[in-house]
N, C-alpha and C. Protein backbone atom coordinates (compact mmCIF):
# COMPACT_ATOMS: atom_id res chain seq x y z
N UNK A 1 -99.72 -30.49 -10.40
CA UNK A 1 -99.39 -29.92 -8.61
C UNK A 1 -99.05 -27.91 -8.49
N UNK A 2 -100.26 -27.46 -8.64
CA UNK A 2 -100.15 -26.13 -8.56
C UNK A 2 -99.92 -25.89 -7.54
N UNK A 3 -98.86 -24.72 -7.21
CA UNK A 3 -98.56 -24.45 -5.88
C UNK A 3 -99.37 -22.86 -5.66
N UNK A 4 -100.00 -22.74 -4.35
CA UNK A 4 -100.62 -21.54 -4.16
C UNK A 4 -99.93 -20.76 -3.07
N UNK A 5 -99.46 -19.76 -3.30
CA UNK A 5 -98.89 -19.06 -2.09
C UNK A 5 -99.33 -17.52 -1.96
N UNK A 6 -99.22 -17.09 -0.84
CA UNK A 6 -100.05 -15.70 -0.52
C UNK A 6 -99.06 -14.80 -0.93
N UNK A 7 -97.74 -14.79 -1.58
CA UNK A 7 -96.76 -13.84 -1.90
C UNK A 7 -97.37 -13.65 -3.42
N UNK A 8 -97.80 -12.68 -3.89
CA UNK A 8 -98.57 -12.63 -5.34
C UNK A 8 -97.37 -12.71 -6.49
N UNK A 9 -96.27 -12.34 -6.15
CA UNK A 9 -95.28 -12.16 -7.58
C UNK A 9 -94.95 -13.98 -7.47
N UNK A 10 -94.49 -14.58 -6.32
CA UNK A 10 -94.15 -15.78 -6.15
C UNK A 10 -95.34 -16.66 -6.76
N UNK A 11 -96.58 -16.33 -6.21
CA UNK A 11 -97.35 -17.06 -6.95
C UNK A 11 -97.58 -16.85 -8.42
N UNK A 12 -97.60 -15.99 -9.06
CA UNK A 12 -97.57 -16.05 -10.30
C UNK A 12 -96.41 -16.58 -11.13
N UNK A 13 -95.26 -16.62 -10.51
CA UNK A 13 -94.11 -17.27 -11.01
C UNK A 13 -94.21 -18.53 -10.99
N UNK A 14 -94.87 -19.06 -9.92
CA UNK A 14 -95.28 -20.47 -9.70
C UNK A 14 -96.33 -21.13 -10.74
N UNK A 15 -97.26 -20.41 -11.16
CA UNK A 15 -98.33 -20.59 -11.78
C UNK A 15 -97.55 -20.79 -13.30
N UNK A 16 -97.19 -19.73 -13.66
CA UNK A 16 -96.40 -19.62 -14.91
C UNK A 16 -95.32 -20.74 -15.13
N UNK A 17 -94.47 -21.09 -14.04
CA UNK A 17 -93.87 -22.45 -14.19
C UNK A 17 -94.47 -23.74 -14.21
N UNK A 18 -95.64 -24.02 -13.78
CA UNK A 18 -96.16 -24.98 -13.84
C UNK A 18 -97.20 -24.97 -15.54
N UNK A 19 -97.44 -23.84 -15.69
CA UNK A 19 -97.84 -24.02 -17.14
C UNK A 19 -97.02 -24.39 -18.06
N UNK A 20 -95.77 -23.84 -17.97
CA UNK A 20 -94.27 -24.46 -18.93
C UNK A 20 -94.08 -25.86 -18.65
N UNK A 21 -94.30 -26.34 -17.55
CA UNK A 21 -93.94 -27.61 -17.03
C UNK A 21 -95.33 -28.59 -17.45
N UNK A 22 -96.44 -28.15 -17.71
CA UNK A 22 -96.94 -29.00 -18.43
C UNK A 22 -97.43 -29.23 -19.92
N UNK A 23 -96.57 -27.96 -20.35
CA UNK A 23 -96.61 -28.08 -22.01
C UNK A 23 -95.44 -28.70 -22.52
N UNK A 24 -94.44 -28.96 -21.51
CA UNK A 24 -93.28 -29.57 -21.86
C UNK A 24 -93.67 -31.09 -21.81
N UNK A 25 -94.06 -31.58 -20.55
CA UNK A 25 -94.66 -32.66 -20.27
C UNK A 25 -95.70 -33.30 -21.60
N UNK A 26 -96.50 -32.28 -22.01
CA UNK A 26 -97.28 -32.72 -23.39
C UNK A 26 -96.54 -32.69 -24.48
N UNK A 27 -95.24 -31.88 -25.07
CA UNK A 27 -94.39 -31.95 -25.82
C UNK A 27 -93.81 -33.14 -26.04
N UNK A 28 -92.95 -33.79 -24.61
CA UNK A 28 -92.76 -34.74 -24.58
C UNK A 28 -93.16 -35.94 -25.19
N UNK A 29 -94.50 -36.16 -24.60
CA UNK A 29 -95.54 -37.25 -25.09
C UNK A 29 -95.61 -37.20 -26.43
N UNK A 30 -96.00 -35.90 -26.81
CA UNK A 30 -96.53 -35.88 -28.55
C UNK A 30 -95.23 -36.26 -29.20
N UNK A 31 -94.39 -35.65 -28.87
CA UNK A 31 -92.97 -36.15 -29.98
C UNK A 31 -92.45 -37.40 -29.92
N UNK A 32 -92.72 -38.32 -28.76
CA UNK A 32 -92.48 -39.85 -28.94
C UNK A 32 -91.15 -40.11 -28.66
N UNK A 33 -90.77 -41.10 -29.46
CA UNK A 33 -89.61 -41.63 -29.87
C UNK A 33 -89.29 -42.74 -28.65
N UNK A 34 -89.90 -43.06 -28.39
CA UNK A 34 -90.04 -44.51 -27.08
C UNK A 34 -89.90 -44.07 -25.89
N UNK A 35 -89.94 -44.68 -24.98
CA UNK A 35 -90.37 -44.38 -23.39
C UNK A 35 -88.96 -43.77 -22.90
N UNK A 36 -87.76 -44.14 -23.17
CA UNK A 36 -86.70 -43.67 -22.25
C UNK A 36 -86.56 -42.18 -23.12
N UNK A 37 -86.84 -41.52 -24.16
CA UNK A 37 -86.81 -40.38 -24.74
C UNK A 37 -87.77 -39.67 -24.42
N UNK A 38 -88.85 -40.14 -24.01
CA UNK A 38 -90.35 -39.40 -23.55
C UNK A 38 -89.66 -38.80 -21.93
N UNK A 39 -89.11 -40.22 -21.39
CA UNK A 39 -89.06 -39.53 -19.90
C UNK A 39 -87.81 -38.53 -19.61
N UNK A 40 -86.88 -38.87 -20.56
CA UNK A 40 -85.48 -37.81 -20.31
C UNK A 40 -86.36 -36.49 -20.55
N UNK A 41 -87.25 -36.41 -21.77
CA UNK A 41 -87.65 -35.15 -22.03
C UNK A 41 -88.48 -35.02 -20.93
N UNK A 42 -89.28 -35.71 -20.16
CA UNK A 42 -90.30 -35.12 -18.99
C UNK A 42 -89.04 -34.48 -17.90
N UNK A 43 -88.26 -35.27 -17.39
CA UNK A 43 -87.26 -35.09 -16.52
C UNK A 43 -86.74 -33.70 -17.01
N UNK A 44 -86.49 -33.48 -17.84
CA UNK A 44 -85.73 -32.02 -18.33
C UNK A 44 -86.68 -31.40 -18.14
N UNK A 45 -87.97 -31.10 -18.40
CA UNK A 45 -88.84 -30.51 -17.76
C UNK A 45 -89.50 -30.12 -16.43
N UNK A 46 -89.37 -31.22 -15.74
CA UNK A 46 -89.37 -31.51 -14.19
C UNK A 46 -88.13 -30.38 -13.48
N UNK A 47 -87.13 -30.42 -13.81
CA UNK A 47 -85.94 -29.99 -13.47
C UNK A 47 -86.16 -28.42 -13.82
N UNK A 48 -86.27 -27.97 -15.14
CA UNK A 48 -86.61 -26.43 -15.15
C UNK A 48 -87.76 -26.15 -14.53
N UNK A 49 -88.79 -26.92 -14.67
CA UNK A 49 -89.72 -26.31 -13.38
C UNK A 49 -89.21 -26.05 -11.99
N UNK A 50 -88.60 -26.90 -11.50
CA UNK A 50 -87.68 -26.76 -9.72
C UNK A 50 -86.73 -25.81 -9.95
N UNK A 51 -86.29 -25.47 -10.88
CA UNK A 51 -85.28 -24.01 -10.95
C UNK A 51 -85.90 -23.09 -11.04
N UNK A 52 -86.97 -22.88 -11.79
CA UNK A 52 -88.28 -21.62 -11.81
C UNK A 52 -88.57 -21.30 -10.54
N UNK A 53 -89.08 -22.48 -9.99
CA UNK A 53 -89.61 -21.97 -8.68
C UNK A 53 -88.38 -21.61 -7.70
N UNK A 54 -87.45 -22.58 -7.56
CA UNK A 54 -86.21 -21.90 -6.49
C UNK A 54 -85.72 -20.63 -6.93
N UNK A 55 -85.83 -20.21 -8.03
CA UNK A 55 -85.73 -18.57 -8.42
C UNK A 55 -86.13 -17.65 -8.31
N UNK A 56 -87.50 -18.05 -8.41
CA UNK A 56 -88.70 -17.07 -7.94
C UNK A 56 -88.69 -16.88 -6.30
N UNK A 57 -88.51 -18.02 -5.58
CA UNK A 57 -88.56 -18.17 -4.08
C UNK A 57 -87.41 -17.57 -3.56
N UNK A 58 -86.23 -17.66 -4.27
CA UNK A 58 -85.05 -16.76 -3.77
C UNK A 58 -85.26 -15.44 -3.79
N UNK A 59 -85.73 -14.75 -5.03
CA UNK A 59 -86.05 -13.70 -5.57
C UNK A 59 -87.24 -13.00 -4.66
N UNK A 60 -88.29 -13.58 -4.05
CA UNK A 60 -89.29 -13.51 -3.21
C UNK A 60 -89.11 -13.36 -1.59
N UNK A 61 -88.05 -13.92 -1.32
CA UNK A 61 -87.41 -14.05 0.24
C UNK A 61 -88.47 -15.38 0.75
N UNK A 62 -88.72 -16.35 -0.33
CA UNK A 62 -89.37 -17.30 0.47
C UNK A 62 -88.34 -18.53 0.26
N UNK A 63 -89.14 -19.61 1.26
CA UNK A 63 -87.95 -20.93 1.71
C UNK A 63 -88.15 -21.64 0.29
N UNK A 64 -87.07 -22.25 0.10
CA UNK A 64 -87.52 -23.49 -1.15
C UNK A 64 -86.51 -24.45 -1.07
N UNK A 65 -85.77 -24.84 0.16
CA UNK A 65 -85.14 -26.36 0.39
C UNK A 65 -85.88 -27.52 -0.07
N UNK A 66 -87.26 -27.29 -0.05
CA UNK A 66 -87.82 -28.66 -0.25
C UNK A 66 -87.58 -28.90 -1.94
N UNK A 67 -87.49 -27.72 -2.80
CA UNK A 67 -87.70 -27.90 -4.35
C UNK A 67 -86.02 -28.20 -4.50
N UNK A 68 -84.94 -27.72 -3.56
CA UNK A 68 -83.56 -28.52 -3.85
C UNK A 68 -83.64 -29.90 -3.70
N UNK A 69 -84.24 -30.52 -2.78
CA UNK A 69 -84.55 -32.01 -2.65
C UNK A 69 -84.62 -32.70 -3.72
N UNK A 70 -86.09 -31.80 -4.32
CA UNK A 70 -86.47 -32.31 -5.51
C UNK A 70 -85.53 -32.45 -6.59
N UNK A 71 -84.83 -31.67 -6.73
CA UNK A 71 -83.88 -31.44 -7.84
C UNK A 71 -82.91 -32.70 -7.74
N UNK A 72 -82.45 -32.79 -6.22
CA UNK A 72 -81.56 -34.07 -6.18
C UNK A 72 -82.45 -35.26 -6.59
N UNK A 73 -83.60 -35.33 -5.84
CA UNK A 73 -84.31 -36.71 -6.60
C UNK A 73 -84.08 -36.73 -7.88
N UNK A 74 -84.25 -35.98 -8.67
CA UNK A 74 -84.29 -35.85 -10.12
C UNK A 74 -82.61 -36.26 -10.78
N UNK A 75 -81.82 -35.86 -9.74
CA UNK A 75 -80.49 -36.32 -10.31
C UNK A 75 -79.59 -35.04 -10.71
N UNK A 76 -80.11 -33.75 -10.53
CA UNK A 76 -79.76 -32.57 -11.06
C UNK A 76 -78.79 -31.79 -9.98
N UNK A 77 -77.96 -31.13 -10.52
CA UNK A 77 -77.27 -30.43 -9.68
C UNK A 77 -77.81 -29.20 -9.06
N UNK A 78 -77.68 -29.12 -7.62
CA UNK A 78 -78.20 -28.18 -7.01
C UNK A 78 -77.40 -26.83 -6.75
């Protein structure tokens, strides 16, 4: 789910965060260790992704409330 944004700095940060998220998911699957371990590793990658997006949105004066909600859904503190 790549985010496209007219703010160039934010768009670049989102693209970087998505690339890192995809790498984390691929690494979790490659590492294996059972479905619970893979799910936990993917969840960690997703949380890092949303935290990166939020940090960029804050730094670039963009809204980020929906990403806070995503963190809540993942069980992360906001």
